[in-house]
Amino acid sequence: MFFRIANYCRSSVVLDFSSGENIYEEYIKAGSVKSRIVRVSTDMTSADYISFLDDMCVPGFVMLTLEGRWRSFLDAIRRSADDRTLVVVRNINSDNEARQCWREIVGDERNIVTFDLYYCGIVFFDKKRYKQNYIVNF
C-alpha cells in the first residue's frame, strides 16, 4: 500500500511523524525514487510545527502515528495542505485510545474524505469532494 501511495503522490518530501523506525521506507522509495523521507519530532510545539512546515513545500504524503503532539502536527498539516495532500494514520485500532483518536479525526470537518483500513486510516483534504468516511473490509 505504501508503494502505491508514494507512486500516486510522487511527493518530493514525505513527512514521517513517529518516534519509531520507519519500516515502510523501502516501499516508499520504490514507489517514488525522488521522494525524500523527513522525520518529524513528536514533541515540538504547535508554533514549531507551523514554522517547520512553512519552510518546506506543501506536503503531499504524510505518515502520522498517534503519539506525542499529533493533534498539533495534524493542525499544522491542515493549514498547509492542498487538494492532493494525504495523511496515512497508522495503528488506528491498536487500542481504545487510538480508536477514539481516529473517530476524532474522522469527525473533524476539515478532513474531507477518510478511509478506515483497520490497520491504518487515510485522510484527504480535497475540498471539491463531499465529506465521507469509508470503511474498507478486506
Protein backbone atom coordinates (compact mmCIF):
# COMPACT_ATOMS: atom_id res chain seq x y z
CA MET A 1 0.00 0.00 0.00
CA PHE A 2 2.79 2.47 0.84
CA PHE A 3 4.39 1.73 -2.52
CA ARG A 4 1.14 2.63 -4.31
CA ILE A 5 0.55 5.76 -2.24
CA ALA A 6 4.08 7.01 -2.86
CA ASN A 7 3.64 6.28 -6.57
CA TYR A 8 0.32 8.17 -6.60
CA CYS A 9 1.61 11.21 -4.68
CA ARG A 10 5.06 11.49 -6.23
CA SER A 11 5.84 13.90 -3.44
CA SER A 12 9.37 15.28 -3.24
CA VAL A 13 9.11 15.16 0.56
CA VAL A 14 7.39 12.53 2.69
CA LEU A 15 6.88 13.56 6.30
CA ASP A 16 7.14 10.83 8.94
CA PHE A 17 5.67 11.83 12.31
CA SER A 18 6.69 8.95 14.57
CA SER A 19 9.24 8.11 17.20
CA GLY A 20 9.94 4.59 15.96
CA GLU A 21 11.78 3.26 12.96
CA ASN A 22 10.14 3.66 9.57
CA ILE A 23 9.70 0.10 8.32
CA TYR A 24 7.94 1.38 5.19
CA GLU A 25 10.84 3.47 3.88
CA GLU A 26 11.91 0.93 1.23
CA TYR A 27 8.36 0.70 -0.14
CA ILE A 28 8.09 4.47 -0.36
CA LYS A 29 11.47 4.78 -2.09
CA ALA A 30 10.47 2.06 -4.58
CA GLY A 31 7.19 3.84 -5.32
CA SER A 32 8.78 7.24 -5.79
CA VAL A 33 12.54 7.32 -6.22
CA LYS A 34 12.71 11.12 -5.88
CA SER A 35 10.92 11.16 -2.51
CA ARG A 36 12.96 12.20 0.49
CA ILE A 37 11.66 10.99 3.86
CA VAL A 38 11.89 13.61 6.59
CA ARG A 39 11.42 12.51 10.17
CA VAL A 40 9.41 14.97 12.27
CA SER A 41 9.85 15.10 16.04
CA THR A 42 6.78 14.15 18.06
CA ASP A 43 7.42 16.67 20.83
CA MET A 44 7.60 20.10 19.19
CA THR A 45 5.13 22.91 19.93
CA SER A 46 2.36 23.99 17.58
CA ALA A 47 4.37 27.06 16.55
CA ASP A 48 7.39 24.87 15.82
CA TYR A 49 5.32 22.61 13.55
CA ILE A 50 3.88 25.60 11.69
CA SER A 51 7.35 27.12 11.26
CA PHE A 52 8.75 23.75 10.14
CA LEU A 53 6.03 23.32 7.50
CA ASP A 54 6.32 26.94 6.31
CA ASP A 55 9.97 26.23 5.47
CA MET A 56 9.03 23.21 3.34
CA CYS A 57 6.94 22.80 0.24
CA VAL A 58 3.30 21.72 0.54
CA PRO A 59 3.35 18.21 1.97
CA GLY A 60 1.97 15.61 -0.43
CA PHE A 61 2.34 12.49 1.69
CA VAL A 62 2.39 12.42 5.47
CA MET A 63 2.71 9.37 7.73
CA LEU A 64 1.27 10.01 11.18
CA THR A 65 1.42 7.91 14.32
CA LEU A 66 -0.99 8.78 17.14
CA GLU A 67 1.67 9.69 19.68
CA GLY A 68 3.20 12.80 21.17
CA ARG A 69 1.68 16.04 19.96
CA TRP A 70 -0.02 14.55 16.91
CA ARG A 71 -3.01 16.91 17.16
CA SER A 72 -0.76 19.97 16.87
CA PHE A 73 1.08 18.42 13.95
CA LEU A 74 -2.14 17.48 12.14
CA ASP A 75 -3.49 21.02 12.65
CA ALA A 76 -0.29 22.42 11.11
CA ILE A 77 -0.63 19.99 8.18
CA ARG A 78 -4.22 21.13 7.59
CA ARG A 79 -3.00 24.74 7.36
CA SER A 80 -0.58 23.96 4.55
CA ALA A 81 -2.41 21.07 2.85
CA ASP A 82 -3.76 21.28 -0.67
CA ASP A 83 -6.25 19.07 -2.52
CA ARG A 84 -3.60 16.41 -3.24
CA THR A 85 -2.23 16.10 0.29
CA LEU A 86 -2.94 12.85 2.05
CA VAL A 87 -2.16 11.61 5.53
CA VAL A 88 -1.78 7.96 6.49
CA VAL A 89 -2.59 7.47 10.16
CA ARG A 90 -1.01 4.27 11.44
CA ASN A 91 -2.32 1.88 14.09
CA ILE A 92 -5.82 3.37 14.33
CA ASN A 93 -7.21 0.25 16.04
CA SER A 94 -4.28 -0.64 18.29
CA ASP A 95 -6.18 0.24 21.50
CA ASN A 96 -9.24 2.16 22.76
CA GLU A 97 -7.39 5.49 22.81
CA ALA A 98 -6.26 5.05 19.19
CA ARG A 99 -9.82 4.20 18.11
CA GLN A 100 -11.10 7.32 19.88
CA CYS A 101 -8.41 9.45 18.20
CA TRP A 102 -9.37 8.05 14.79
CA ARG A 103 -13.06 8.84 15.43
CA GLU A 104 -11.98 12.38 16.34
CA ILE A 105 -10.06 12.69 13.05
CA VAL A 106 -12.99 11.32 11.03
CA GLY A 107 -15.44 13.69 12.74
CA ASP A 108 -13.37 16.81 12.06
CA GLU A 109 -14.99 18.84 9.26
CA ARG A 110 -11.58 19.84 7.85
CA ASN A 111 -10.83 16.23 6.93
CA ILE A 112 -12.93 15.70 3.83
CA VAL A 113 -12.54 12.08 2.78
CA THR A 114 -11.34 9.36 5.15
CA PHE A 115 -10.73 5.66 4.64
CA ASP A 116 -10.66 3.24 7.57
CA LEU A 117 -8.49 0.29 6.51
CA TYR A 118 -8.48 -1.17 10.06
CA TYR A 119 -4.68 -1.12 10.46
CA CYS A 120 -4.39 2.43 9.23
CA GLY A 121 -6.53 5.32 8.08
CA ILE A 122 -6.12 7.62 5.09
CA VAL A 123 -7.18 11.27 5.20
CA PHE A 124 -7.69 13.51 2.14
CA PHE A 125 -8.26 17.27 2.23
CA ASP A 126 -9.80 17.71 -1.25
CA LYS A 127 -12.39 20.46 -0.77
CA LYS A 128 -14.08 19.65 -4.09
CA ARG A 129 -15.44 16.44 -2.58
CA TYR A 130 -18.24 15.84 -0.10
CA LYS A 131 -17.34 14.79 3.44
CA GLN A 132 -17.36 11.00 3.56
CA ASN A 133 -15.87 8.18 5.63
CA TYR A 134 -15.33 4.80 4.02
CA ILE A 135 -14.74 1.60 5.97
CA VAL A 136 -12.86 -0.89 3.83
CA ASN A 137 -13.06 -4.55 4.78
CA PHE A 138 -10.63 -6.88 3.06
